[in-house]
PDB file of N, CA and C in Angstrom:
ATOM      1  N   UNK A   1       0.602  -0.906  -0.022  1.00  0.00           N
ATOM      2  CA  UNK A   1      -0.124   0.286   0.082  1.00  0.00           C
ATOM      3  C   UNK A   1       0.924   0.977   0.140  1.00  0.00           C
ATOM      4  N   UNK A   2       1.181   1.898  -1.122  1.00  0.00           N
ATOM      5  CA  UNK A   2       1.712   3.330  -0.739  1.00  0.00           C
ATOM      6  C   UNK A   2       0.812   4.380  -0.926  1.00  0.00           C
ATOM      7  N   UNK A   3       1.920   5.314  -0.321  1.00  0.00           N
ATOM      8  CA  UNK A   3       0.927   6.438   0.599  1.00  0.00           C
ATOM      9  C   UNK A   3       1.336   7.758  -1.129  1.00  0.00           C
ATOM     10  N   UNK A   4       0.142   7.833  -0.983  1.00  0.00           N
ATOM     11  CA  UNK A   4       0.097   8.816  -2.052  1.00  0.00           C
ATOM     12  C   UNK A   4      -0.320  10.571  -1.070  1.00  0.00           C
ATOM     13  N   UNK A   5       0.148  11.609  -1.914  1.00  0.00           N
ATOM     14  CA  UNK A   5       0.269  12.461  -1.294  1.00  0.00           C
ATOM     15  C   UNK A   5      -0.458  13.487  -2.483  1.00  0.00           C
ATOM     16  N   UNK A   6      -1.294  14.590  -1.314  1.00  0.00           N
ATOM     17  CA  UNK A   6      -2.307  15.383  -2.273  1.00  0.00           C
ATOM     18  C   UNK A   6      -0.992  16.226  -3.215  1.00  0.00           C
ATOM     19  N   UNK A   7      -0.990  16.979  -4.170  1.00  0.00           N
ATOM     20  CA  UNK A   7      -0.335  17.577  -4.970  1.00  0.00           C
ATOM     21  C   UNK A   7      -0.397  18.981  -4.471  1.00  0.00           C
ATOM     22  N   UNK A   8      -2.208  19.117  -3.990  1.00  0.00           N
ATOM     23  CA  UNK A   8      -2.060  20.504  -3.616  1.00  0.00           C
ATOM     24  C   UNK A   8      -1.294  20.574  -2.176  1.00  0.00           C
ATOM     25  N   UNK A   9      -1.065  20.003  -1.355  1.00  0.00           N
ATOM     26  CA  UNK A   9       0.372  20.455  -0.386  1.00  0.00           C
ATOM     27  C   UNK A   9       1.754  20.189  -0.914  1.00  0.00           C
ATOM     28  N   UNK A  10       2.345  21.785  -0.032  1.00  0.00           N
ATOM     29  CA  UNK A  10       4.120  22.041  -0.541  1.00  0.00           C
ATOM     30  C   UNK A  10       4.373  21.270   0.712  1.00  0.00           C
ATOM     31  N   UNK A  11       5.154  19.420   0.379  1.00  0.00           N
ATOM     32  CA  UNK A  11       5.811  19.407   1.749  1.00  0.00           C
ATOM     33  C   UNK A  11       6.711  20.732   2.085  1.00  0.00           C
ATOM     34  N   UNK A  12       7.797  21.129   1.249  1.00  0.00           N
ATOM     35  CA  UNK A  12       8.991  21.671   1.935  1.00  0.00           C
ATOM     36  C   UNK A  12       8.087  23.101   2.791  1.00  0.00           C
ATOM     37  N   UNK A  13       6.803  23.559   2.135  1.00  0.00           N
ATOM     38  CA  UNK A  13       5.980  25.094   3.251  1.00  0.00           C
ATOM     39  C   UNK A  13       6.188  24.033   4.442  1.00  0.00           C
ATOM     40  N   UNK A  14       5.394  22.857   4.692  1.00  0.00           N
ATOM     41  CA  UNK A  14       5.132  22.443   5.753  1.00  0.00           C
ATOM     42  C   UNK A  14       6.325  22.037   6.929  1.00  0.00           C
ATOM     43  N   UNK A  15       7.430  21.277   6.133  1.00  0.00           N
ATOM     44  CA  UNK A  15       8.521  21.583   6.709  1.00  0.00           C
ATOM     45  C   UNK A  15       8.833  22.819   7.221  1.00  0.00           C
ATOM     46  N   UNK A  16       8.974  24.049   6.858  1.00  0.00           N
ATOM     47  CA  UNK A  16       9.498  25.152   6.990  1.00  0.00           C
ATOM     48  C   UNK A  16       8.381  25.483   8.308  1.00  0.00           C
ATOM     49  N   UNK A  17       6.993  25.343   8.715  1.00  0.00           N
ATOM     50  CA  UNK A  17       6.348  25.720   9.274  1.00  0.00           C
ATOM     51  C   UNK A  17       6.434  24.608  10.696  1.00  0.00           C
ATOM     52  N   UNK A  18       6.867  23.486  10.261  1.00  0.00           N
ATOM     53  CA  UNK A  18       7.030  23.068  11.788  1.00  0.00           C
ATOM     54  C   UNK A  18       8.219  23.086  12.365  1.00  0.00           C
ATOM     55  N   UNK A  19       9.376  23.391  11.314  1.00  0.00           N
ATOM     56  CA  UNK A  19      10.340  23.980  11.825  1.00  0.00           C
ATOM     57  C   UNK A  19      10.076  25.171  12.518  1.00  0.00           C
ATOM     58  N   UNK A  20       9.650  26.185  12.302  1.00  0.00           N
ATOM     59  CA  UNK A  20       9.240  27.756  13.045  1.00  0.00           C
ATOM     60  C   UNK A  20       8.831  27.479  14.381  1.00  0.00           C
ATOM     61  N   UNK A  21       7.829  26.476  14.857  1.00  0.00           N
ATOM     62  CA  UNK A  21       7.484  25.520  16.117  1.00  0.00           C
ATOM     63  C   UNK A  21       6.288  27.113  16.566  1.00  0.00           C
ATOM     64  N   UNK A  22       5.408  27.427  15.253  1.00  0.00           N
ATOM     65  CA  UNK A  22       4.267  27.695  15.694  1.00  0.00           C
ATOM     66  C   UNK A  22       3.320  27.710  16.049  1.00  0.00           C
ATOM     67  N   UNK A  23       2.732  28.383  16.643  1.00  0.00           N
ATOM     68  CA  UNK A  23       1.292  27.291  17.589  1.00  0.00           C
ATOM     69  C   UNK A  23       0.355  27.401  15.836  1.00  0.00           C
ATOM     70  N   UNK A  24      -0.610  26.483  15.622  1.00  0.00           N
ATOM     71  CA  UNK A  24      -1.348  25.811  14.992  1.00  0.00           C
ATOM     72  C   UNK A  24      -2.493  27.197  14.195  1.00  0.00           C
ATOM     73  N   UNK A  25      -2.819  28.147  15.619  1.00  0.00           N
ATOM     74  CA  UNK A  25      -3.857  29.490  14.580  1.00  0.00           C
ATOM     75  C   UNK A  25      -2.531  30.058  14.123  1.00  0.00           C
ATOM     76  N   UNK A  26      -1.198  30.234  14.643  1.00  0.00           N
ATOM     77  CA  UNK A  26      -0.587  31.074  14.046  1.00  0.00           C
ATOM     78  C   UNK A  26       0.206  30.487  12.340  1.00  0.00           C
ATOM     79  N   UNK A  27       0.313  28.933  12.274  1.00  0.00           N
ATOM     80  CA  UNK A  27       0.545  28.530  11.330  1.00  0.00           C
ATOM     81  C   UNK A  27      -0.545  28.723  10.256  1.00  0.00           C
ATOM     82  N   UNK A  28      -1.884  28.128  10.361  1.00  0.00           N
ATOM     83  CA  UNK A  28      -3.053  28.813   9.750  1.00  0.00           C
ATOM     84  C   UNK A  28      -3.357  30.151   9.177  1.00  0.00           C
ATOM     85  N   UNK A  29      -2.960  31.089  10.224  1.00  0.00           N
ATOM     86  CA  UNK A  29      -3.047  32.603   8.973  1.00  0.00           C
ATOM     87  C   UNK A  29      -1.943  32.877   8.572  1.00  0.00           C
ATOM     88  N   UNK A  30      -0.624  32.114   9.046  1.00  0.00           N
ATOM     89  CA  UNK A  30       0.423  32.364   8.000  1.00  0.00           C
ATOM     90  C   UNK A  30      -0.088  31.819   6.414  1.00  0.00           C
ATOM     91  N   UNK A  31      -0.622  30.465   6.617  1.00  0.00           N
ATOM     92  CA  UNK A  31      -0.898  30.071   5.075  1.00  0.00           C
ATOM     93  C   UNK A  31      -2.263  31.037   4.616  1.00  0.00           C
ATOM     94  N   UNK A  32      -2.953  31.457   5.502  1.00  0.00           N
ATOM     95  CA  UNK A  32      -4.539  32.403   4.488  1.00  0.00           C
ATOM     96  C   UNK A  32      -2.892  33.189   4.192  1.00  0.00           C
ATOM     97  N   UNK A  33      -2.351  33.883   4.807  1.00  0.00           N
ATOM     98  CA  UNK A  33      -1.882  35.533   4.233  1.00  0.00           C
ATOM     99  C   UNK A  33      -1.414  35.320   3.125  1.00  0.00           C
ATOM    100  N   UNK A  34      -0.376  33.701   2.790  1.00  0.00           N
ATOM    101  CA  UNK A  34      -0.240  33.249   1.461  1.00  0.00           C
ATOM    102  C   UNK A  34      -1.295  33.138   0.310  1.00  0.00           C
ATOM    103  N   UNK A  35      -2.255  33.465   0.617  1.00  0.00           N
ATOM    104  CA  UNK A  35      -3.536  33.311  -0.321  1.00  0.00           C
ATOM    105  C   UNK A  35      -3.614  31.542  -0.858  1.00  0.00           C
ATOM    106  N   UNK A  36      -4.035  31.186   0.511  1.00  0.00           N
ATOM    107  CA  UNK A  36      -4.864  29.802   0.028  1.00  0.00           C
ATOM    108  C   UNK A  36      -5.732  29.661   0.289  1.00  0.00           C
ATOM    109  N   UNK A  37      -7.097  28.857   0.281  1.00  0.00           N
ATOM    110  CA  UNK A  37      -8.023  28.512   0.146  1.00  0.00           C
ATOM    111  C   UNK A  37      -8.785  27.588   1.354  1.00  0.00           C
ATOM    112  N   UNK A  38      -9.515  27.565   1.491  1.00  0.00           N
ATOM    113  CA  UNK A  38      -9.766  27.105   3.552  1.00  0.00           C
ATOM    114  C   UNK A  38      -9.222  25.264   3.016  1.00  0.00           C
ATOM    115  N   UNK A  39      -9.514  24.704   2.255  1.00  0.00           N
ATOM    116  CA  UNK A  39      -9.411  23.656   1.864  1.00  0.00           C
ATOM    117  C   UNK A  39      -7.932  22.998   1.674  1.00  0.00           C
ATOM    118  N   UNK A  40      -7.007  24.052   1.067  1.00  0.00           N
ATOM    119  CA  UNK A  40      -5.522  24.193   1.423  1.00  0.00           C
ATOM    120  C   UNK A  40      -4.651  24.022   2.711  1.00  0.00           C
ATOM    121  N   UNK A  41      -5.921  24.683   3.123  1.00  0.00           N
ATOM    122  CA  UNK A  41      -5.013  25.234   4.804  1.00  0.00           C
ATOM    123  C   UNK A  41      -5.147  23.983   5.206  1.00  0.00           C
ATOM    124  N   UNK A  42      -6.506  23.394   5.264  1.00  0.00           N
ATOM    125  CA  UNK A  42      -6.741  21.767   6.423  1.00  0.00           C
ATOM    126  C   UNK A  42      -5.903  20.819   5.846  1.00  0.00           C
ATOM    127  N   UNK A  43      -5.720  20.461   4.849  1.00  0.00           N
ATOM    128  CA  UNK A  43      -4.368  19.676   4.501  1.00  0.00           C
ATOM    129  C   UNK A  43      -3.292  19.922   4.892  1.00  0.00           C
ATOM    130  N   UNK A  44      -2.920  21.317   4.666  1.00  0.00           N
ATOM    131  CA  UNK A  44      -1.226  21.464   5.008  1.00  0.00           C
ATOM    132  C   UNK A  44      -1.133  21.194   6.394  1.00  0.00           C
ATOM    133  N   UNK A  45      -2.841  21.629   7.619  1.00  0.00           N
ATOM    134  CA  UNK A  45      -2.468  21.800   8.813  1.00  0.00           C
ATOM    135  C   UNK A  45      -2.281  20.057   9.067  1.00  0.00           C
ATOM    136  N   UNK A  46      -3.182  19.207   8.378  1.00  0.00           N
ATOM    137  CA  UNK A  46      -3.473  17.644   8.547  1.00  0.00           C
ATOM    138  C   UNK A  46      -1.742  17.136   8.617  1.00  0.00           C
ATOM    139  N   UNK A  47      -1.187  17.141   7.106  1.00  0.00           N
ATOM    140  CA  UNK A  47       0.343  16.961   6.651  1.00  0.00           C
ATOM    141  C   UNK A  47       1.565  17.479   8.628  1.00  0.00           C
ATOM    142  N   UNK A  48       1.309  18.897   9.007  1.00  0.00           N
ATOM    143  CA  UNK A  48       2.267  19.715   9.585  1.00  0.00           C
ATOM    144  C   UNK A  48       2.025  18.688  10.891  1.00  0.00           C
ATOM    145  N   UNK A  49       0.610  18.294  11.196  1.00  0.00           N
ATOM    146  CA  UNK A  49       0.299  17.530  12.072  1.00  0.00           C
ATOM    147  C   UNK A  49       0.721  16.025  12.175  1.00  0.00           C
ATOM    148  N   UNK A  50       0.640  15.265  11.188  1.00  0.00           N
ATOM    149  CA  UNK A  50       1.541  14.127  11.148  1.00  0.00           C
ATOM    150  C   UNK A  50       2.849  13.884  10.687  1.00  0.00           C
ATOM    151  N   UNK A  51       3.432  15.301  10.613  1.00  0.00           N
ATOM    152  CA  UNK A  51       4.682  15.246  10.715  1.00  0.00           C
ATOM    153  C   UNK A  51       5.225  15.357  12.111  1.00  0.00           C
ATOM    154  N   UNK A  52       4.580  16.392  12.620  1.00  0.00           N
ATOM    155  CA  UNK A  52       5.125  16.585  14.148  1.00  0.00           C
ATOM    156  C   UNK A  52       4.779  15.057  15.488  1.00  0.00           C
ATOM    157  N   UNK A  53       3.924  14.550  14.773  1.00  0.00           N
ATOM    158  CA  UNK A  53       3.878  13.340  15.481  1.00  0.00           C
ATOM    159  C   UNK A  53       4.674  12.109  14.524  1.00  0.00           C
ATOM    160  N   UNK A  54       4.531  12.114  13.934  1.00  0.00           N
ATOM    161  CA  UNK A  54       6.097  10.970  13.296  1.00  0.00           C
ATOM    162  C   UNK A  54       7.552  11.582  13.496  1.00  0.00           C
ATOM    163  N   UNK A  55       7.724  12.437  13.692  1.00  0.00           N
ATOM    164  CA  UNK A  55       9.094  13.164  14.847  1.00  0.00           C
ATOM    165  C   UNK A  55       8.801  12.877  16.710  1.00  0.00           C
ATOM    166  N   UNK A  56       8.037  13.130  16.716  1.00  0.00           N
ATOM    167  CA  UNK A  56       7.388  12.618  18.340  1.00  0.00           C
ATOM    168  C   UNK A  56       7.531  10.837  18.904  1.00  0.00           C
ATOM    169  N   UNK A  57       7.157  10.207  17.590  1.00  0.00           N
ATOM    170  CA  UNK A  57       7.239   8.736  17.731  1.00  0.00           C
ATOM    171  C   UNK A  57       8.691   8.400  17.749  1.00  0.00           C
ATOM    172  N   UNK A  58       9.613   8.568  16.316  1.00  0.00           N
ATOM    173  CA  UNK A  58      10.618   8.633  16.545  1.00  0.00           C
ATOM    174  C   UNK A  58      11.540   9.059  17.377  1.00  0.00           C
ATOM    175  N   UNK A  59      12.082  10.036  18.623  1.00  0.00           N
ATOM    176  CA  UNK A  59      12.235  10.142  19.557  1.00  0.00           C
ATOM    177  C   UNK A  59      11.800   8.697  20.598  1.00  0.00           C
ATOM    178  N   UNK A  60      10.560   8.786  20.660  1.00  0.00           N
ATOM    179  CA  UNK A  60      10.083   8.000  21.591  1.00  0.00           C
ATOM    180  C   UNK A  60      10.187   6.375  21.546  1.00  0.00           C
ATOM    181  N   UNK A  61      10.400   6.138  20.089  1.00  0.00           N
ATOM    182  CA  UNK A  61      10.889   4.807  19.854  1.00  0.00           C
ATOM    183  C   UNK A  61      12.768   4.871  20.360  1.00  0.00           C
ATOM    184  N   UNK A  62      13.662   5.745  20.240  1.00  0.00           N
ATOM    185  CA  UNK A  62      14.542   5.618  20.809  1.00  0.00           C
ATOM    186  C   UNK A  62      14.782   6.217  22.833  1.00  0.00           C
ATOM    187  N   UNK A  63      14.024   6.253  22.764  1.00  0.00           N
ATOM    188  CA  UNK A  63      13.897   6.188  24.176  1.00  0.00           C
ATOM    189  C   UNK A  63      13.549   5.159  24.710  1.00  0.00           C
ATOM    190  N   UNK A  64      13.069   4.534  24.392  1.00  0.00           N
ATOM    191  CA  UNK A  64      12.730   3.178  24.412  1.00  0.00           C
ATOM    192  C   UNK A  64      13.785   2.033  24.002  1.00  0.00           C
ATOM    193  N   UNK A  65      14.462   2.178  23.245  1.00  0.00           N
ATOM    194  CA  UNK A  65      15.724   1.680  22.828  1.00  0.00           C
ATOM    195  C   UNK A  65      16.294   1.635  24.146  1.00  0.00           C
ATOM    196  N   UNK A  66      17.138   3.246  24.017  1.00  0.00           N
ATOM    197  CA  UNK A  66      17.348   3.430  25.241  1.00  0.00           C
ATOM    198  C   UNK A  66      17.645   2.787  27.270  1.00  0.00           C
ATOM    199  N   UNK A  67      16.177   3.214  26.767  1.00  0.00           N
ATOM    200  CA  UNK A  67      15.119   2.205  28.460  1.00  0.00           C
ATOM    201  C   UNK A  67      15.693   0.669  28.244  1.00  0.00           C
ATOM    202  N   UNK A  68      15.699   0.289  26.934  1.00  0.00           N
ATOM    203  CA  UNK A  68      15.425  -1.366  27.300  1.00  0.00           C
ATOM    204  C   UNK A  68      17.205  -1.512  27.316  1.00  0.00           C
ATOM    205  N   UNK A  69      18.232  -1.193  26.858  1.00  0.00           N
ATOM    206  CA  UNK A  69      19.196  -1.355  27.292  1.00  0.00           C
ATOM    207  C   UNK A  69      19.620  -1.376  28.536  1.00  0.00           C
ATOM    208  N   UNK A  70      19.635  -0.143  28.975  1.00  0.00           N
ATOM    209  CA  UNK A  70      19.822   0.483  30.023  1.00  0.00           C
ATOM    210  C   UNK A  70      19.283  -1.060  30.892  1.00  0.00           C
ATOM    211  N   UNK A  71      17.978  -1.130  31.096  1.00  0.00           N
ATOM    212  CA  UNK A  71      17.415  -2.199  31.595  1.00  0.00           C
ATOM    213  C   UNK A  71      18.229  -3.674  31.641  1.00  0.00           C
ATOM    214  N   UNK A  72      18.876  -3.690  30.158  1.00  0.00           N
ATOM    215  CA  UNK A  72      19.708  -5.074  30.026  1.00  0.00           C
ATOM    216  C   UNK A  72      20.518  -4.455  30.506  1.00  0.00           C
ATOM    217  N   UNK A  73      21.363  -3.902  30.945  1.00  0.00           N
ATOM    218  CA  UNK A  73      22.500  -3.708  31.454  1.00  0.00           C
ATOM    219  C   UNK A  73      22.235  -3.995  32.979  1.00  0.00           C
ATOM    220  N   UNK A  74      21.458  -3.486  33.372  1.00  0.00           N
ATOM    221  CA  UNK A  74      21.082  -3.508  35.176  1.00  0.00           C
ATOM    222  C   UNK A  74      21.101  -4.845  35.302  1.00  0.00           C
ATOM    223  N   UNK A  75      20.274  -5.633  34.621  1.00  0.00           N
ATOM    224  CA  UNK A  75      19.704  -7.013  35.284  1.00  0.00           C
ATOM    225  C   UNK A  75      21.450  -7.535  34.274  1.00  0.00           C
ATOM    226  N   UNK A  76      21.796  -7.567  33.485  1.00  0.00           N
ATOM    227  CA  UNK A  76      23.102  -8.276  33.180  1.00  0.00           C
ATOM    228  C   UNK A  76      24.298  -8.110  34.597  1.00  0.00           C
ATOM    229  N   UNK A  77      24.209  -6.916  35.090  1.00  0.00           N
ATOM    230  CA  UNK A  77      25.902  -6.384  36.031  1.00  0.00           C
ATOM    231  C   UNK A  77      24.755  -6.629  37.726  1.00  0.00           C
ATOM    232  N   UNK A  78      23.572  -7.560  37.230  1.00  0.00           N
ATOM    233  CA  UNK A  78      23.112  -7.239  39.100  1.00  0.00           C
ATOM    234  C   UNK A  78      23.445  -8.914  39.029  1.00  0.00           C
ATOM    235  N   UNK A  79      23.057  -9.486  37.950  1.00  0.00           N
ATOM    236  CA  UNK A  79      23.361 -11.330  37.896  1.00  0.00           C
ATOM    237  C   UNK A  79      24.811 -11.193  38.065  1.00  0.00           C
ATOM    238  N   UNK A  80      25.854 -11.046  37.253  1.00  0.00           N
ATOM    239  CA  UNK A  80      27.370 -11.336  37.628  1.00  0.00           C
ATOM    240  C   UNK A  80      27.979 -10.423  38.816  1.00  0.00           C
ATOM    241  N   UNK A  81      27.243  -9.597  39.392  1.00  0.00           N
ATOM    242  CA  UNK A  81      27.790  -9.028  40.620  1.00  0.00           C
ATOM    243  C   UNK A  81      29.613  -8.385  40.323  1.00  0.00           C
ATOM    244  N   UNK A  82      29.093  -7.447  39.428  1.00  0.00           N
ATOM    245  CA  UNK A  82      30.822  -7.282  38.273  1.00  0.00           C
ATOM    246  C   UNK A  82      31.083  -6.164  39.187  1.00  0.00           C
ATOM    247  N   UNK A  83      30.292  -5.440  39.681  1.00  0.00           N
ATOM    248  CA  UNK A  83      30.488  -4.553  40.144  1.00  0.00           C
ATOM    249  C   UNK A  83      29.723  -4.756  41.547  1.00  0.00           C
ATOM    250  N   UNK A  84      30.642  -5.319  42.601  1.00  0.00           N
ATOM    251  CA  UNK A  84      30.243  -5.695  43.666  1.00  0.00           C
ATOM    252  C   UNK A  84      29.979  -4.015  44.627  1.00  0.00           C
ATOM    253  N   UNK A  85      30.972  -3.179  44.883  1.00  0.00           N
ATOM    254  CA  UNK A  85      30.467  -2.061  45.525  1.00  0.00           C
ATOM    255  C   UNK A  85      29.313  -1.513  45.449  1.00  0.00           C
ATOM    256  N   UNK A  86      28.990  -1.785  43.647  1.00  0.00           N
ATOM    257  CA  UNK A  86      27.772  -1.206  43.850  1.00  0.00           C
ATOM    258  C   UNK A  86      26.555  -1.403  42.970  1.00  0.00           C
ATOM    259  N   UNK A  87      26.438  -2.617  43.950  1.00  0.00           N
ATOM    260  CA  UNK A  87      25.304  -3.089  43.500  1.00  0.00           C
ATOM    261  C   UNK A  87      23.808  -2.752  43.996  1.00  0.00           C
ATOM    262  N   UNK A  88      23.658  -1.900  44.757  1.00  0.00           N
ATOM    263  CA  UNK A  88      23.037  -1.509  45.627  1.00  0.00           C
ATOM    264  C   UNK A  88      22.071  -0.562  44.041  1.00  0.00           C
ATOM    265  N   UNK A  89      23.078   0.241  43.852  1.00  0.00           N
ATOM    266  CA  UNK A  89      22.611   1.446  42.513  1.00  0.00           C
ATOM    267  C   UNK A  89      22.462   0.933  41.835  1.00  0.00           C
ATOM    268  N   UNK A  90      23.212  -0.166  41.717  1.00  0.00           N
ATOM    269  CA  UNK A  90      22.913  -0.239  39.998  1.00  0.00           C
ATOM    270  C   UNK A  90      22.033  -1.401  39.716  1.00  0.00           C
ATOM    271  N   UNK A  91      21.169  -2.156  41.412  1.00  0.00           N
ATOM    272  CA  UNK A  91      19.873  -2.648  40.887  1.00  0.00           C
ATOM    273  C   UNK A  91      19.270  -2.469  40.975  1.00  0.00           C
ATOM    274  N   UNK A  92      19.007  -1.027  42.256  1.00  0.00           N
ATOM    275  CA  UNK A  92      17.680  -0.275  42.247  1.00  0.00           C
ATOM    276  C   UNK A  92      17.798   1.618  41.160  1.00  0.00           C
ATOM    277  N   UNK A  93      18.897   1.588  41.326  1.00  0.00           N
ATOM    278  CA  UNK A  93      19.065   3.200  40.493  1.00  0.00           C
ATOM    279  C   UNK A  93      19.069   2.930  39.051  1.00  0.00           C
ATOM    280  N   UNK A  94      19.537   2.560  38.694  1.00  0.00           N
ATOM    281  CA  UNK A  94      20.013   1.822  37.350  1.00  0.00           C
ATOM    282  C   UNK A  94      18.409   1.723  35.969  1.00  0.00           C
ATOM    283  N   UNK A  95      17.915   0.041  37.572  1.00  0.00           N
ATOM    284  CA  UNK A  95      16.687  -0.304  36.827  1.00  0.00           C
ATOM    285  C   UNK A  95      15.453   1.313  37.214  1.00  0.00           C
ATOM    286  N   UNK A  96      15.288   1.365  37.922  1.00  0.00           N
ATOM    287  CA  UNK A  96      14.401   2.707  37.868  1.00  0.00           C
ATOM    288  C   UNK A  96      15.098   4.048  36.912  1.00  0.00           C
ATOM    289  N   UNK A  97      16.227   4.299  36.541  1.00  0.00           N
ATOM    290  CA  UNK A  97      16.714   5.057  35.395  1.00  0.00           C
ATOM    291  C   UNK A  97      15.974   4.624  34.326  1.00  0.00           C
ATOM    292  N   UNK A  98      16.042   3.144  33.655  1.00  0.00           N
ATOM    293  CA  UNK A  98      15.735   2.582  32.563  1.00  0.00           C
ATOM    294  C   UNK A  98      14.561   2.807  32.479  1.00  0.00           C
ATOM    295  N   UNK A  99      13.324   1.863  33.604  1.00  0.00           N
ATOM    296  CA  UNK A  99      12.009   2.341  33.603  1.00  0.00           C
ATOM    297  C   UNK A  99      11.318   3.711  33.201  1.00  0.00           C
ATOM    298  N   UNK A 100      11.868   4.656  33.985  1.00  0.00           N
ATOM    299  CA  UNK A 100      11.878   5.669  33.400  1.00  0.00           C
ATOM    300  C   UNK A 100      11.625   6.438  32.595  1.00  0.00           C
ATOM    301  N   UNK A 101      13.026   5.399  32.017  1.00  0.00           N
ATOM    302  CA  UNK A 101      13.016   6.259  30.219  1.00  0.00           C
ATOM    303  C   UNK A 101      12.287   5.502  29.178  1.00  0.00           C
ATOM    304  N   UNK A 102      11.832   4.238  29.476  1.00  0.00           N
ATOM    305  CA  UNK A 102      11.065   3.305  28.819  1.00  0.00           C
ATOM    306  C   UNK A 102       9.518   3.884  28.992  1.00  0.00           C
ATOM    307  N   UNK A 103       9.490   4.378  30.350  1.00  0.00           N
ATOM    308  CA  UNK A 103       7.723   5.211  30.490  1.00  0.00           C
ATOM    309  C   UNK A 103       7.804   6.657  29.469  1.00  0.00           C
ATOM    310  N   UNK A 104       8.944   7.273  29.330  1.00  0.00           N
ATOM    311  CA  UNK A 104       8.841   8.565  28.761  1.00  0.00           C
ATOM    312  C   UNK A 104       8.965   8.293  27.346  1.00  0.00           C
ATOM    313  N   UNK A 105       9.506   7.426  26.830  1.00  0.00           N
ATOM    314  CA  UNK A 105       9.308   6.800  25.592  1.00  0.00           C
ATOM    315  C   UNK A 105       8.204   6.309  24.972  1.00  0.00           C
ATOM    316  N   UNK A 106       7.353   5.494  26.058  1.00  0.00           N
ATOM    317  CA  UNK A 106       5.803   4.968  25.539  1.00  0.00           C
ATOM    318  C   UNK A 106       5.006   6.011  25.801  1.00  0.00           C
ATOM    319  N   UNK A 107       5.296   7.273  26.221  1.00  0.00           N
ATOM    320  CA  UNK A 107       4.428   8.343  26.007  1.00  0.00           C
ATOM    321  C   UNK A 107       4.857   8.950  25.009  1.00  0.00           C
ATOM    322  N   UNK A 108       5.788   9.426  24.679  1.00  0.00           N
ATOM    323  CA  UNK A 108       5.968  10.329  23.146  1.00  0.00           C
ATOM    324  C   UNK A 108       5.167   9.345  21.709  1.00  0.00           C
ATOM    325  N   UNK A 109       5.708   8.066  22.036  1.00  0.00           N
ATOM    326  CA  UNK A 109       4.387   6.765  20.900  1.00  0.00           C
ATOM    327  C   UNK A 109       3.771   6.993  21.100  1.00  0.00           C
ATOM    328  N   UNK A 110       2.335   7.223  22.334  1.00  0.00           N
ATOM    329  CA  UNK A 110       1.120   6.578  22.283  1.00  0.00           C
ATOM    330  C   UNK A 110       0.575   7.949  22.797  1.00  0.00           C
ATOM    331  N   UNK A 111       0.929   9.003  22.184  1.00  0.00           N
ATOM    332  CA  UNK A 111       0.949  10.456  22.884  1.00  0.00           C
ATOM    333  C   UNK A 111      -0.231  10.904  21.638  1.00  0.00           C
TER     334      UNK A 111
END
């Protein structure tokens, strides 16, 4: 299933508006000032929202990967007793850090 884009949507303009980090109302006003009709503005706003969500999802997946790696590292170091004098930090601290990073990643993906 291929993704098809409406030819009326200017992707470079959407990327520009996304990079400017304006509020949706300000983006809408800027698009109207460029002489676009209402239907085209709505399509551009949908595309900007889709691009913003895709960016958040990528960040969330990266956070989940980092959290999973930290959790695995914590488990491995705890089981092997590689650093005995830091057992409590690794067992409790590193595991909690991993859990928090994974939850932040989940929030970004499912927001």
